[in-house]
Amino acid sequence: MPAIALDTPDASLLCFVLVAGSETLLEGSSIRQCILTGPPQNAEFLDHPISLARTEQLHVEHKANVHATEEGTDIAVAIATSAFLAISLDSSGQGRWTLSGCYGDSAGVCHLAKPKPKEEG
């Protein structure tokens, strides 16, 4: 399950977007389910627009329109009835995100989260 870390512009973690499926986000186009999850890195971000959306929409599945090109991947997610999350990743998995609508407008940087290496033994 791919995970995208949504950060502030100065790279403080706000939350994660978990995208259903084991397929990479960097190839092809599809409609997939996703959720917002995880607390922000610092308590000062609890009233950040993306944190408010995550709190209200915690564990609610949303449809994500995933469209990959040679340059990267764009992901569009309708959150609630009047909020929209747009994520744009380059081919290395780094990118930017924007949130607009009822939770307020905000933007930041993002990246594909890397899984922890499996421990041997």
PDB file of N, CA and C in Angstrom:
ATOM      1  N   MET A   1       0.849  -1.171   0.000  1.00  0.00           N
ATOM      2  CA  MET A   1       0.000   0.000   0.000  1.00  0.00           C
ATOM      3  C   MET A   1       0.898   1.239   0.000  1.00  0.00           C
ATOM      4  N   PRO A   2       0.902   1.999  -1.084  1.00  0.00           N
ATOM      5  CA  PRO A   2       1.720   3.209  -1.115  1.00  0.00           C
ATOM      6  C   PRO A   2       1.239   4.222  -0.079  1.00  0.00           C
ATOM      7  N   ALA A   3       2.189   4.913   0.522  1.00  0.00           N
ATOM      8  CA  ALA A   3       1.888   5.972   1.482  1.00  0.00           C
ATOM      9  C   ALA A   3       2.605   7.236   1.045  1.00  0.00           C
ATOM     10  N   ILE A   4       1.905   8.352   1.124  1.00  0.00           N
ATOM     11  CA  ILE A   4       2.472   9.645   0.771  1.00  0.00           C
ATOM     12  C   ILE A   4       2.472  10.496   2.026  1.00  0.00           C
ATOM     13  N   ALA A   5       3.640  11.008   2.403  1.00  0.00           N
ATOM     14  CA  ALA A   5       3.755  11.905   3.550  1.00  0.00           C
ATOM     15  C   ALA A   5       3.477  13.324   3.085  1.00  0.00           C
ATOM     16  N   LEU A   6       2.508  13.981   3.729  1.00  0.00           N
ATOM     17  CA  LEU A   6       2.211  15.382   3.446  1.00  0.00           C
ATOM     18  C   LEU A   6       2.890  16.226   4.513  1.00  0.00           C
ATOM     19  N   ASP A   7       3.759  17.125   4.076  1.00  0.00           N
ATOM     20  CA  ASP A   7       4.550  17.957   4.979  1.00  0.00           C
ATOM     21  C   ASP A   7       4.239  19.435   4.777  1.00  0.00           C
ATOM     22  N   THR A   8       4.612  20.245   5.773  1.00  0.00           N
ATOM     23  CA  THR A   8       4.566  21.693   5.622  1.00  0.00           C
ATOM     24  C   THR A   8       5.636  22.088   4.597  1.00  0.00           C
ATOM     25  N   PRO A   9       5.634  23.350   4.139  1.00  0.00           N
ATOM     26  CA  PRO A   9       6.681  23.765   3.201  1.00  0.00           C
ATOM     27  C   PRO A   9       8.097  23.587   3.746  1.00  0.00           C
ATOM     28  N   ASP A  10       8.261  23.623   5.087  1.00  0.00           N
ATOM     29  CA  ASP A  10       9.598  23.408   5.662  1.00  0.00           C
ATOM     30  C   ASP A  10       9.797  21.966   6.141  1.00  0.00           C
ATOM     31  N   ALA A  11       8.981  21.045   5.627  1.00  0.00           N
ATOM     32  CA  ALA A  11       9.147  19.592   5.787  1.00  0.00           C
ATOM     33  C   ALA A  11       8.799  19.031   7.166  1.00  0.00           C
ATOM     34  N   SER A  12       7.875  19.670   7.903  1.00  0.00           N
ATOM     35  CA  SER A  12       7.345  19.071   9.133  1.00  0.00           C
ATOM     36  C   SER A  12       6.136  18.219   8.758  1.00  0.00           C
ATOM     37  N   LEU A  13       6.108  16.990   9.226  1.00  0.00           N
ATOM     38  CA  LEU A  13       5.053  16.049   8.869  1.00  0.00           C
ATOM     39  C   LEU A  13       3.688  16.495   9.377  1.00  0.00           C
ATOM     40  N   LEU A  14       2.679  16.467   8.483  1.00  0.00           N
ATOM     41  CA  LEU A  14       1.299  16.786   8.848  1.00  0.00           C
ATOM     42  C   LEU A  14       0.431  15.539   8.924  1.00  0.00           C
ATOM     43  N   CYS A  15       0.516  14.656   7.934  1.00  0.00           N
ATOM     44  CA  CYS A  15      -0.247  13.412   7.922  1.00  0.00           C
ATOM     45  C   CYS A  15       0.205  12.565   6.743  1.00  0.00           C
ATOM     46  N   PHE A  16      -0.414  11.409   6.599  1.00  0.00           N
ATOM     47  CA  PHE A  16      -0.138  10.515   5.476  1.00  0.00           C
ATOM     48  C   PHE A  16      -1.406  10.293   4.674  1.00  0.00           C
ATOM     49  N   VAL A  17      -1.238  10.058   3.396  1.00  0.00           N
ATOM     50  CA  VAL A  17      -2.313   9.574   2.533  1.00  0.00           C
ATOM     51  C   VAL A  17      -1.940   8.139   2.187  1.00  0.00           C
ATOM     52  N   LEU A  18      -2.766   7.191   2.600  1.00  0.00           N
ATOM     53  CA  LEU A  18      -2.549   5.787   2.265  1.00  0.00           C
ATOM     54  C   LEU A  18      -3.422   5.459   1.064  1.00  0.00           C
ATOM     55  N   VAL A  19      -2.799   4.894   0.029  1.00  0.00           N
ATOM     56  CA  VAL A  19      -3.505   4.583  -1.214  1.00  0.00           C
ATOM     57  C   VAL A  19      -3.635   3.064  -1.330  1.00  0.00           C
ATOM     58  N   ALA A  20      -4.851   2.591  -1.515  1.00  0.00           N
ATOM     59  CA  ALA A  20      -5.114   1.150  -1.583  1.00  0.00           C
ATOM     60  C   ALA A  20      -4.397   0.511  -2.764  1.00  0.00           C
ATOM     61  N   GLY A  21      -4.032  -0.752  -2.569  1.00  0.00           N
ATOM     62  CA  GLY A  21      -3.410  -1.527  -3.632  1.00  0.00           C
ATOM     63  C   GLY A  21      -1.908  -1.643  -3.458  1.00  0.00           C
ATOM     64  N   SER A  22      -1.345  -2.634  -4.104  1.00  0.00           N
ATOM     65  CA  SER A  22       0.101  -2.842  -4.010  1.00  0.00           C
ATOM     66  C   SER A  22       0.840  -2.274  -5.223  1.00  0.00           C
ATOM     67  N   GLU A  23       0.088  -1.793  -6.215  1.00  0.00           N
ATOM     68  CA  GLU A  23       0.713  -1.261  -7.412  1.00  0.00           C
ATOM     69  C   GLU A  23       1.388   0.075  -7.118  1.00  0.00           C
ATOM     70  N   THR A  24       2.443   0.355  -7.861  1.00  0.00           N
ATOM     71  CA  THR A  24       3.139   1.623  -7.723  1.00  0.00           C
ATOM     72  C   THR A  24       2.237   2.778  -8.155  1.00  0.00           C
ATOM     73  N   LEU A  25       2.496   3.955  -7.652  1.00  0.00           N
ATOM     74  CA  LEU A  25       1.766   5.147  -8.074  1.00  0.00           C
ATOM     75  C   LEU A  25       2.433   5.812  -9.268  1.00  0.00           C
ATOM     76  N   LEU A  26       3.614   5.350  -9.632  1.00  0.00           N
ATOM     77  CA  LEU A  26       4.398   6.020 -10.660  1.00  0.00           C
ATOM     78  C   LEU A  26       4.190   5.446 -12.055  1.00  0.00           C
ATOM     79  N   GLU A  27       3.213   4.548 -12.219  1.00  0.00           N
ATOM     80  CA  GLU A  27       2.917   3.977 -13.531  1.00  0.00           C
ATOM     81  C   GLU A  27       1.419   3.832 -13.703  1.00  0.00           C
ATOM     82  N   GLY A  28       0.927   4.146 -14.894  1.00  0.00           N
ATOM     83  CA  GLY A  28      -0.475   3.918 -15.227  1.00  0.00           C
ATOM     84  C   GLY A  28      -1.417   4.925 -14.600  1.00  0.00           C
ATOM     85  N   SER A  29      -2.681   4.726 -14.883  1.00  0.00           N
ATOM     86  CA  SER A  29      -3.750   5.575 -14.353  1.00  0.00           C
ATOM     87  C   SER A  29      -4.846   4.683 -13.804  1.00  0.00           C
ATOM     88  N   SER A  30      -5.459   5.118 -12.717  1.00  0.00           N
ATOM     89  CA  SER A  30      -6.513   4.320 -12.112  1.00  0.00           C
ATOM     90  C   SER A  30      -7.282   5.142 -11.087  1.00  0.00           C
ATOM     91  N   ILE A  31      -8.422   4.610 -10.694  1.00  0.00           N
ATOM     92  CA  ILE A  31      -9.187   5.140  -9.567  1.00  0.00           C
ATOM     93  C   ILE A  31      -8.918   4.186  -8.412  1.00  0.00           C
ATOM     94  N   ARG A  32      -8.414   4.721  -7.304  1.00  0.00           N
ATOM     95  CA  ARG A  32      -8.107   3.893  -6.143  1.00  0.00           C
ATOM     96  C   ARG A  32      -8.671   4.541  -4.894  1.00  0.00           C
ATOM     97  N   GLN A  33      -8.883   3.748  -3.871  1.00  0.00           N
ATOM     98  CA  GLN A  33      -9.342   4.268  -2.587  1.00  0.00           C
ATOM     99  C   GLN A  33      -8.140   4.792  -1.799  1.00  0.00           C
ATOM    100  N   CYS A  34      -8.388   5.798  -0.958  1.00  0.00           N
ATOM    101  CA  CYS A  34      -7.322   6.298  -0.089  1.00  0.00           C
ATOM    102  C   CYS A  34      -7.943   6.816   1.202  1.00  0.00           C
ATOM    103  N   ILE A  35      -7.100   6.955   2.225  1.00  0.00           N
ATOM    104  CA  ILE A  35      -7.509   7.550   3.493  1.00  0.00           C
ATOM    105  C   ILE A  35      -6.429   8.515   3.955  1.00  0.00           C
ATOM    106  N   LEU A  36      -6.832   9.478   4.781  1.00  0.00           N
ATOM    107  CA  LEU A  36      -5.895  10.364   5.474  1.00  0.00           C
ATOM    108  C   LEU A  36      -5.695   9.792   6.862  1.00  0.00           C
ATOM    109  N   THR A  37      -4.462   9.711   7.319  1.00  0.00           N
ATOM    110  CA  THR A  37      -4.216   9.128   8.634  1.00  0.00           C
ATOM    111  C   THR A  37      -2.919   9.680   9.226  1.00  0.00           C
ATOM    112  N   GLY A  38      -2.740   9.463  10.511  1.00  0.00           N
ATOM    113  CA  GLY A  38      -1.514   9.849  11.220  1.00  0.00           C
ATOM    114  C   GLY A  38      -1.580  11.254  11.768  1.00  0.00           C
ATOM    115  N   PRO A  39      -1.066  11.443  12.979  1.00  0.00           N
ATOM    116  CA  PRO A  39      -1.055  12.778  13.595  1.00  0.00           C
ATOM    117  C   PRO A  39       0.080  13.626  13.039  1.00  0.00           C
ATOM    118  N   PRO A  40      -0.030  14.949  13.172  1.00  0.00           N
ATOM    119  CA  PRO A  40       1.073  15.804  12.742  1.00  0.00           C
ATOM    120  C   PRO A  40       2.302  15.606  13.634  1.00  0.00           C
ATOM    121  N   GLN A  41       3.447  16.003  13.101  1.00  0.00           N
ATOM    122  CA  GLN A  41       4.716  15.858  13.822  1.00  0.00           C
ATOM    123  C   GLN A  41       4.731  16.714  15.083  1.00  0.00           C
ATOM    124  N   ASN A  42       4.136  17.898  15.024  1.00  0.00           N
ATOM    125  CA  ASN A  42       4.117  18.817  16.161  1.00  0.00           C
ATOM    126  C   ASN A  42       2.680  19.205  16.493  1.00  0.00           C
ATOM    127  N   ALA A  43       2.381  19.339  17.779  1.00  0.00           N
ATOM    128  CA  ALA A  43       1.034  19.700  18.216  1.00  0.00           C
ATOM    129  C   ALA A  43       0.591  21.046  17.667  1.00  0.00           C
ATOM    130  N   GLU A  44       1.528  21.930  17.351  1.00  0.00           N
ATOM    131  CA  GLU A  44       1.171  23.242  16.808  1.00  0.00           C
ATOM    132  C   GLU A  44       0.427  23.142  15.473  1.00  0.00           C
ATOM    133  N   PHE A  45       0.519  21.986  14.816  1.00  0.00           N
ATOM    134  CA  PHE A  45      -0.130  21.804  13.524  1.00  0.00           C
ATOM    135  C   PHE A  45      -1.506  21.153  13.635  1.00  0.00           C
ATOM    136  N   LEU A  46      -2.031  20.959  14.846  1.00  0.00           N
ATOM    137  CA  LEU A  46      -3.339  20.332  15.010  1.00  0.00           C
ATOM    138  C   LEU A  46      -4.472  21.151  14.401  1.00  0.00           C
ATOM    139  N   ASP A  47      -4.288  22.476  14.283  1.00  0.00           N
ATOM    140  CA  ASP A  47      -5.320  23.314  13.672  1.00  0.00           C
ATOM    141  C   ASP A  47      -4.991  23.675  12.224  1.00  0.00           C
ATOM    142  N   HIS A  48      -3.993  23.026  11.642  1.00  0.00           N
ATOM    143  CA  HIS A  48      -3.658  23.220  10.231  1.00  0.00           C
ATOM    144  C   HIS A  48      -4.806  22.658   9.384  1.00  0.00           C
ATOM    145  N   PRO A  49      -5.135  23.283   8.252  1.00  0.00           N
ATOM    146  CA  PRO A  49      -6.250  22.785   7.437  1.00  0.00           C
ATOM    147  C   PRO A  49      -6.184  21.293   7.094  1.00  0.00           C
ATOM    148  N   ILE A  50      -5.032  20.761   6.750  1.00  0.00           N
ATOM    149  CA  ILE A  50      -4.959  19.330   6.407  1.00  0.00           C
ATOM    150  C   ILE A  50      -5.177  18.468   7.658  1.00  0.00           C
ATOM    151  N   SER A  51      -4.750  18.958   8.828  1.00  0.00           N
ATOM    152  CA  SER A  51      -4.998  18.228  10.072  1.00  0.00           C
ATOM    153  C   SER A  51      -6.482  18.226  10.413  1.00  0.00           C
ATOM    154  N   LEU A  52      -7.166  19.343  10.164  1.00  0.00           N
ATOM    155  CA  LEU A  52      -8.611  19.406  10.397  1.00  0.00           C
ATOM    156  C   LEU A  52      -9.337  18.435   9.473  1.00  0.00           C
ATOM    157  N   ALA A  53      -8.920  18.384   8.214  1.00  0.00           N
ATOM    158  CA  ALA A  53      -9.520  17.437   7.275  1.00  0.00           C
ATOM    159  C   ALA A  53      -9.251  16.004   7.720  1.00  0.00           C
ATOM    160  N   ARG A  54      -8.028  15.717   8.143  1.00  0.00           N
ATOM    161  CA  ARG A  54      -7.680  14.366   8.581  1.00  0.00           C
ATOM    162  C   ARG A  54      -8.510  13.969   9.795  1.00  0.00           C
ATOM    163  N   THR A  55      -8.655  14.864  10.756  1.00  0.00           N
ATOM    164  CA  THR A  55      -9.416  14.559  11.968  1.00  0.00           C
ATOM    165  C   THR A  55     -10.876  14.278  11.639  1.00  0.00           C
ATOM    166  N   GLU A  56     -11.476  15.123  10.822  1.00  0.00           N
ATOM    167  CA  GLU A  56     -12.889  14.939  10.486  1.00  0.00           C
ATOM    168  C   GLU A  56     -13.109  13.752   9.557  1.00  0.00           C
ATOM    169  N   GLN A  57     -12.143  13.460   8.716  1.00  0.00           N
ATOM    170  CA  GLN A  57     -12.285  12.402   7.717  1.00  0.00           C
ATOM    171  C   GLN A  57     -11.452  11.164   8.060  1.00  0.00           C
ATOM    172  N   LEU A  58     -11.045  11.017   9.319  1.00  0.00           N
ATOM    173  CA  LEU A  58     -10.194   9.904   9.730  1.00  0.00           C
ATOM    174  C   LEU A  58     -10.833   8.564   9.383  1.00  0.00           C
ATOM    175  N   HIS A  59     -10.100   7.749   8.673  1.00  0.00           N
ATOM    176  CA  HIS A  59     -10.517   6.404   8.263  1.00  0.00           C
ATOM    177  C   HIS A  59     -11.741   6.388   7.343  1.00  0.00           C
ATOM    178  N   VAL A  60     -12.048   7.525   6.721  1.00  0.00           N
ATOM    179  CA  VAL A  60     -13.091   7.585   5.705  1.00  0.00           C
ATOM    180  C   VAL A  60     -12.408   7.376   4.361  1.00  0.00           C
ATOM    181  N   GLU A  61     -12.904   6.425   3.582  1.00  0.00           N
ATOM    182  CA  GLU A  61     -12.300   6.159   2.277  1.00  0.00           C
ATOM    183  C   GLU A  61     -12.744   7.204   1.266  1.00  0.00           C
ATOM    184  N   HIS A  62     -11.800   7.645   0.450  1.00  0.00           N
ATOM    185  CA  HIS A  62     -12.050   8.617  -0.605  1.00  0.00           C
ATOM    186  C   HIS A  62     -11.554   8.039  -1.918  1.00  0.00           C
ATOM    187  N   LYS A  63     -12.168   8.441  -3.014  1.00  0.00           N
ATOM    188  CA  LYS A  63     -11.691   8.019  -4.323  1.00  0.00           C
ATOM    189  C   LYS A  63     -10.541   8.924  -4.749  1.00  0.00           C
ATOM    190  N   ALA A  64      -9.457   8.295  -5.156  1.00  0.00           N
ATOM    191  CA  ALA A  64      -8.296   9.018  -5.648  1.00  0.00           C
ATOM    192  C   ALA A  64      -8.142   8.729  -7.135  1.00  0.00           C
ATOM    193  N   ASN A  65      -8.123   9.783  -7.927  1.00  0.00           N
ATOM    194  CA  ASN A  65      -7.885   9.651  -9.356  1.00  0.00           C
ATOM    195  C   ASN A  65      -6.381   9.765  -9.570  1.00  0.00           C
ATOM    196  N   VAL A  66      -5.737   8.649  -9.885  1.00  0.00           N
ATOM    197  CA  VAL A  66      -4.274   8.583 -10.028  1.00  0.00           C
ATOM    198  C   VAL A  66      -3.948   8.573 -11.514  1.00  0.00           C
ATOM    199  N   HIS A  67      -3.109   9.527 -11.940  1.00  0.00           N
ATOM    200  CA  HIS A  67      -2.720   9.610 -13.348  1.00  0.00           C
ATOM    201  C   HIS A  67      -1.207   9.783 -13.444  1.00  0.00           C
ATOM    202  N   ALA A  68      -0.523   8.750 -13.934  1.00  0.00           N
ATOM    203  CA  ALA A  68       0.935   8.775 -14.059  1.00  0.00           C
ATOM    204  C   ALA A  68       1.340   9.094 -15.493  1.00  0.00           C
ATOM    205  N   THR A  69       2.402   9.886 -15.626  1.00  0.00           N
ATOM    206  CA  THR A  69       2.988  10.207 -16.923  1.00  0.00           C
ATOM    207  C   THR A  69       4.491   9.966 -16.826  1.00  0.00           C
ATOM    208  N   GLU A  70       5.222  10.264 -17.876  1.00  0.00           N
ATOM    209  CA  GLU A  70       6.677  10.111 -17.835  1.00  0.00           C
ATOM    210  C   GLU A  70       7.315  11.051 -16.815  1.00  0.00           C
ATOM    211  N   GLU A  71       6.698  12.204 -16.580  1.00  0.00           N
ATOM    212  CA  GLU A  71       7.258  13.197 -15.652  1.00  0.00           C
ATOM    213  C   GLU A  71       6.936  12.910 -14.196  1.00  0.00           C
ATOM    214  N   GLY A  72       5.883  12.148 -13.943  1.00  0.00           N
ATOM    215  CA  GLY A  72       5.482  11.888 -12.564  1.00  0.00           C
ATOM    216  C   GLY A  72       4.030  11.489 -12.468  1.00  0.00           C
ATOM    217  N   THR A  73       3.422  11.745 -11.308  1.00  0.00           N
ATOM    218  CA  THR A  73       2.054  11.312 -11.046  1.00  0.00           C
ATOM    219  C   THR A  73       1.254  12.436 -10.417  1.00  0.00           C
ATOM    220  N   ASP A  74       0.027  12.604 -10.892  1.00  0.00           N
ATOM    221  CA  ASP A  74      -0.910  13.539 -10.287  1.00  0.00           C
ATOM    222  C   ASP A  74      -2.030  12.729  -9.655  1.00  0.00           C
ATOM    223  N   ILE A  75      -2.388  13.113  -8.433  1.00  0.00           N
ATOM    224  CA  ILE A  75      -3.447  12.426  -7.697  1.00  0.00           C
ATOM    225  C   ILE A  75      -4.453  13.475  -7.252  1.00  0.00           C
ATOM    226  N   ALA A  76      -5.715  13.264  -7.592  1.00  0.00           N
ATOM    227  CA  ALA A  76      -6.785  14.173  -7.218  1.00  0.00           C
ATOM    228  C   ALA A  76      -7.755  13.445  -6.297  1.00  0.00           C
ATOM    229  N   VAL A  77      -8.050  14.061  -5.145  1.00  0.00           N
ATOM    230  CA  VAL A  77      -8.917  13.444  -4.145  1.00  0.00           C
ATOM    231  C   VAL A  77      -9.982  14.447  -3.706  1.00  0.00           C
ATOM    232  N   ALA A  78     -11.253  14.072  -3.837  1.00  0.00           N
ATOM    233  CA  ALA A  78     -12.338  14.882  -3.289  1.00  0.00           C
ATOM    234  C   ALA A  78     -12.531  14.449  -1.837  1.00  0.00           C
ATOM    235  N   ILE A  79     -12.380  15.403  -0.917  1.00  0.00           N
ATOM    236  CA  ILE A  79     -12.536  15.127   0.508  1.00  0.00           C
ATOM    237  C   ILE A  79     -13.784  15.860   0.967  1.00  0.00           C
ATOM    238  N   ALA A  80     -14.702  15.146   1.571  1.00  0.00           N
ATOM    239  CA  ALA A  80     -15.996  15.717   1.963  1.00  0.00           C
ATOM    240  C   ALA A  80     -16.686  16.215   0.695  1.00  0.00           C
ATOM    241  N   THR A  81     -17.632  17.125   0.854  1.00  0.00           N
ATOM    242  CA  THR A  81     -18.351  17.596  -0.319  1.00  0.00           C
ATOM    243  C   THR A  81     -17.759  18.861  -0.905  1.00  0.00           C
ATOM    244  N   SER A  82     -16.931  19.547  -0.140  1.00  0.00           N
ATOM    245  CA  SER A  82     -16.413  20.817  -0.649  1.00  0.00           C
ATOM    246  C   SER A  82     -14.937  21.031  -0.328  1.00  0.00           C
ATOM    247  N   ALA A  83     -14.158  19.958  -0.369  1.00  0.00           N
ATOM    248  CA  ALA A  83     -12.712  20.089  -0.191  1.00  0.00           C
ATOM    249  C   ALA A  83     -12.019  19.204  -1.221  1.00  0.00           C
ATOM    250  N   PHE A  84     -10.880  19.675  -1.707  1.00  0.00           N
ATOM    251  CA  PHE A  84     -10.166  18.984  -2.775  1.00  0.00           C
ATOM    252  C   PHE A  84      -8.671  18.954  -2.453  1.00  0.00           C
ATOM    253  N   LEU A  85      -8.080  17.766  -2.509  1.00  0.00           N
ATOM    254  CA  LEU A  85      -6.647  17.576  -2.291  1.00  0.00           C
ATOM    255  C   LEU A  85      -6.006  17.191  -3.609  1.00  0.00           C
ATOM    256  N   ALA A  86      -4.973  17.920  -4.002  1.00  0.00           N
ATOM    257  CA  ALA A  86      -4.223  17.620  -5.222  1.00  0.00           C
ATOM    258  C   ALA A  86      -2.775  17.334  -4.837  1.00  0.00           C
ATOM    259  N   ILE A  87      -2.259  16.212  -5.313  1.00  0.00           N
ATOM    260  CA  ILE A  87      -0.881  15.794  -5.031  1.00  0.00           C
ATOM    261  C   ILE A  87      -0.181  15.610  -6.364  1.00  0.00           C
ATOM    262  N   SER A  88       1.012  16.164  -6.475  1.00  0.00           N
ATOM    263  CA  SER A  88       1.801  16.006  -7.685  1.00  0.00           C
ATOM    264  C   SER A  88       3.185  15.494  -7.295  1.00  0.00           C
ATOM    265  N   LEU A  89       3.533  14.302  -7.785  1.00  0.00           N
ATOM    266  CA  LEU A  89       4.821  13.676  -7.485  1.00  0.00           C
ATOM    267  C   LEU A  89       5.656  13.614  -8.757  1.00  0.00           C
ATOM    268  N   ASP A  90       6.968  13.877  -8.633  1.00  0.00           N
ATOM    269  CA  ASP A  90       7.832  13.686  -9.791  1.00  0.00           C
ATOM    270  C   ASP A  90       8.238  12.215  -9.861  1.00  0.00           C
ATOM    271  N   SER A  91       9.035  11.861 -10.846  1.00  0.00           N
ATOM    272  CA  SER A  91       9.377  10.451 -11.058  1.00  0.00           C
ATOM    273  C   SER A  91      10.218   9.852  -9.935  1.00  0.00           C
ATOM    274  N   SER A  92      10.796  10.709  -9.067  1.00  0.00           N
ATOM    275  CA  SER A  92      11.555  10.201  -7.923  1.00  0.00           C
ATOM    276  C   SER A  92      10.682  10.043  -6.672  1.00  0.00           C
ATOM    277  N   GLY A  93       9.396  10.445  -6.771  1.00  0.00           N
ATOM    278  CA  GLY A  93       8.491  10.318  -5.627  1.00  0.00           C
ATOM    279  C   GLY A  93       8.434  11.545  -4.743  1.00  0.00           C
ATOM    280  N   GLN A  94       9.058  12.650  -5.160  1.00  0.00           N
ATOM    281  CA  GLN A  94       9.022  13.921  -4.413  1.00  0.00           C
ATOM    282  C   GLN A  94       7.989  14.829  -5.070  1.00  0.00           C
ATOM    283  N   GLY A  95       7.383  15.740  -4.298  1.00  0.00           N
ATOM    284  CA  GLY A  95       6.427  16.626  -4.943  1.00  0.00           C
ATOM    285  C   GLY A  95       5.833  17.680  -4.044  1.00  0.00           C
ATOM    286  N   ARG A  96       4.647  18.126  -4.469  1.00  0.00           N
ATOM    287  CA  ARG A  96       3.921  19.181  -3.766  1.00  0.00           C
ATOM    288  C   ARG A  96       2.459  18.769  -3.644  1.00  0.00           C
ATOM    289  N   TRP A  97       1.760  19.357  -2.660  1.00  0.00           N
ATOM    290  CA  TRP A  97       0.335  19.109  -2.487  1.00  0.00           C
ATOM    291  C   TRP A  97      -0.367  20.433  -2.212  1.00  0.00           C
ATOM    292  N   THR A  98      -1.655  20.471  -2.543  1.00  0.00           N
ATOM    293  CA  THR A  98      -2.491  21.622  -2.204  1.00  0.00           C
ATOM    294  C   THR A  98      -3.838  21.105  -1.706  1.00  0.00           C
ATOM    295  N   LEU A  99      -4.413  21.830  -0.764  1.00  0.00           N
ATOM    296  CA  LEU A  99      -5.750  21.548  -0.246  1.00  0.00           C
ATOM    297  C   LEU A  99      -6.556  22.826  -0.419  1.00  0.00           C
ATOM    298  N   SER A 100      -7.760  22.699  -0.954  1.00  0.00           N
ATOM    299  CA  SER A 100      -8.635  23.857  -1.090  1.00  0.00           C
ATOM    300  C   SER A 100     -10.043  23.463  -0.660  1.00  0.00           C
ATOM    301  N   GLY A 101     -10.784  24.454  -0.209  1.00  0.00           N
ATOM    302  CA  GLY A 101     -12.175  24.191   0.144  1.00  0.00           C
ATOM    303  C   GLY A 101     -12.516  24.493   1.577  1.00  0.00           C
ATOM    304  N   CYS A 102     -13.456  23.723   2.122  1.00  0.00           N
ATOM    305  CA  CYS A 102     -14.082  24.030   3.406  1.00  0.00           C
ATOM    306  C   CYS A 102     -13.137  24.001   4.608  1.00  0.00           C
ATOM    307  N   TYR A 103     -11.995  23.350   4.512  1.00  0.00           N
ATOM    308  CA  TYR A 103     -11.047  23.308   5.634  1.00  0.00           C
ATOM    309  C   TYR A 103     -10.042  24.453   5.560  1.00  0.00           C
ATOM    310  N   GLY A 104     -10.070  25.225   4.500  1.00  0.00           N
ATOM    311  CA  GLY A 104      -9.118  26.294   4.264  1.00  0.00           C
ATOM    312  C   GLY A 104      -8.168  25.881   3.157  1.00  0.00           C
ATOM    313  N   ASP A 105      -7.431  26.845   2.672  1.00  0.00           N
ATOM    314  CA  ASP A 105      -6.473  26.587   1.607  1.00  0.00           C
ATOM    315  C   ASP A 105      -5.077  26.466   2.202  1.00  0.00           C
ATOM    316  N   SER A 106      -4.339  25.451   1.758  1.00  0.00           N
ATOM    317  CA  SER A 106      -2.974  25.268   2.232  1.00  0.00           C
ATOM    318  C   SER A 106      -2.203  24.470   1.198  1.00  0.00           C
ATOM    319  N   ALA A 107      -0.895  24.466   1.366  1.00  0.00           N
ATOM    320  CA  ALA A 107      -0.018  23.757   0.429  1.00  0.00           C
ATOM    321  C   ALA A 107       1.250  23.359   1.159  1.00  0.00           C
ATOM    322  N   GLY A 108       1.953  22.412   0.577  1.00  0.00           N
ATOM    323  CA  GLY A 108       3.211  21.975   1.173  1.00  0.00           C
ATOM    324  C   GLY A 108       3.947  21.039   0.245  1.00  0.00           C
ATOM    325  N   VAL A 109       4.923  20.372   0.792  1.00  0.00           N
ATOM    326  CA  VAL A 109       5.712  19.402   0.037  1.00  0.00           C
ATOM    327  C   VAL A 109       5.282  18.003   0.453  1.00  0.00           C
ATOM    328  N   CYS A 110       5.619  17.021  -0.378  1.00  0.00           N
ATOM    329  CA  CYS A 110       5.240  15.648  -0.064  1.00  0.00           C
ATOM    330  C   CYS A 110       6.251  14.690  -0.677  1.00  0.00           C
ATOM    331  N   HIS A 111       6.179  13.450  -0.233  1.00  0.00           N
ATOM    332  CA  HIS A 111       7.048  12.415  -0.798  1.00  0.00           C
ATOM    333  C   HIS A 111       6.440  11.040  -0.528  1.00  0.00           C
ATOM    334  N   LEU A 112       6.779  10.114  -1.407  1.00  0.00           N
ATOM    335  CA  LEU A 112       6.389   8.728  -1.159  1.00  0.00           C
ATOM    336  C   LEU A 112       7.153   8.239   0.056  1.00  0.00           C
ATOM    337  N   ALA A 113       6.431   7.717   1.030  1.00  0.00           N
ATOM    338  CA  ALA A 113       7.091   7.199   2.230  1.00  0.00           C
ATOM    339  C   ALA A 113       7.770   5.881   1.890  1.00  0.00           C
ATOM    340  N   LYS A 114       8.943   5.695   2.421  1.00  0.00           N
ATOM    341  CA  LYS A 114       9.694   4.468   2.180  1.00  0.00           C
ATOM    342  C   LYS A 114       9.459   3.506   3.340  1.00  0.00           C
ATOM    343  N   PRO A 115       9.140   2.250   3.042  1.00  0.00           N
ATOM    344  CA  PRO A 115       8.928   1.294   4.137  1.00  0.00           C
ATOM    345  C   PRO A 115      10.230   1.009   4.872  1.00  0.00           C
ATOM    346  N   LYS A 116      10.091   0.696   6.144  1.00  0.00           N
ATOM    347  CA  LYS A 116      11.264   0.303   6.930  1.00  0.00           C
ATOM    348  C   LYS A 116      11.798  -1.015   6.377  1.00  0.00           C
ATOM    349  N   PRO A 117      13.119  -1.164   6.343  1.00  0.00           N
ATOM    350  CA  PRO A 117      13.669  -2.456   5.903  1.00  0.00           C
ATOM    351  C   PRO A 117      13.240  -3.558   6.859  1.00  0.00           C
ATOM    352  N   LYS A 118      12.980  -4.723   6.304  1.00  0.00           N
ATOM    353  CA  LYS A 118      12.600  -5.875   7.128  1.00  0.00           C
ATOM    354  C   LYS A 118      13.807  -6.362   7.890  1.00  0.00           C
ATOM    355  N   GLU A 119      13.570  -6.638   9.175  1.00  0.00           N
ATOM    356  CA  GLU A 119      14.653  -7.166  10.006  1.00  0.00           C
ATOM    357  C   GLU A 119      14.823  -8.645   9.748  1.00  0.00           C
ATOM    358  N   GLU A 120      16.049  -9.066   9.673  1.00  0.00           N
ATOM    359  CA  GLU A 120      16.321 -10.476   9.475  1.00  0.00           C
ATOM    360  C   GLU A 120      16.326 -11.185  10.819  1.00  0.00           C
ATOM    361  N   GLY A 121      15.886 -12.408  10.799  1.00  0.00           N
ATOM    362  CA  GLY A 121      16.017 -13.182  12.020  1.00  0.00           C
ATOM    363  C   GLY A 121      14.763 -13.700  12.492  1.00  0.00           C
TER     364      GLY A 121
END
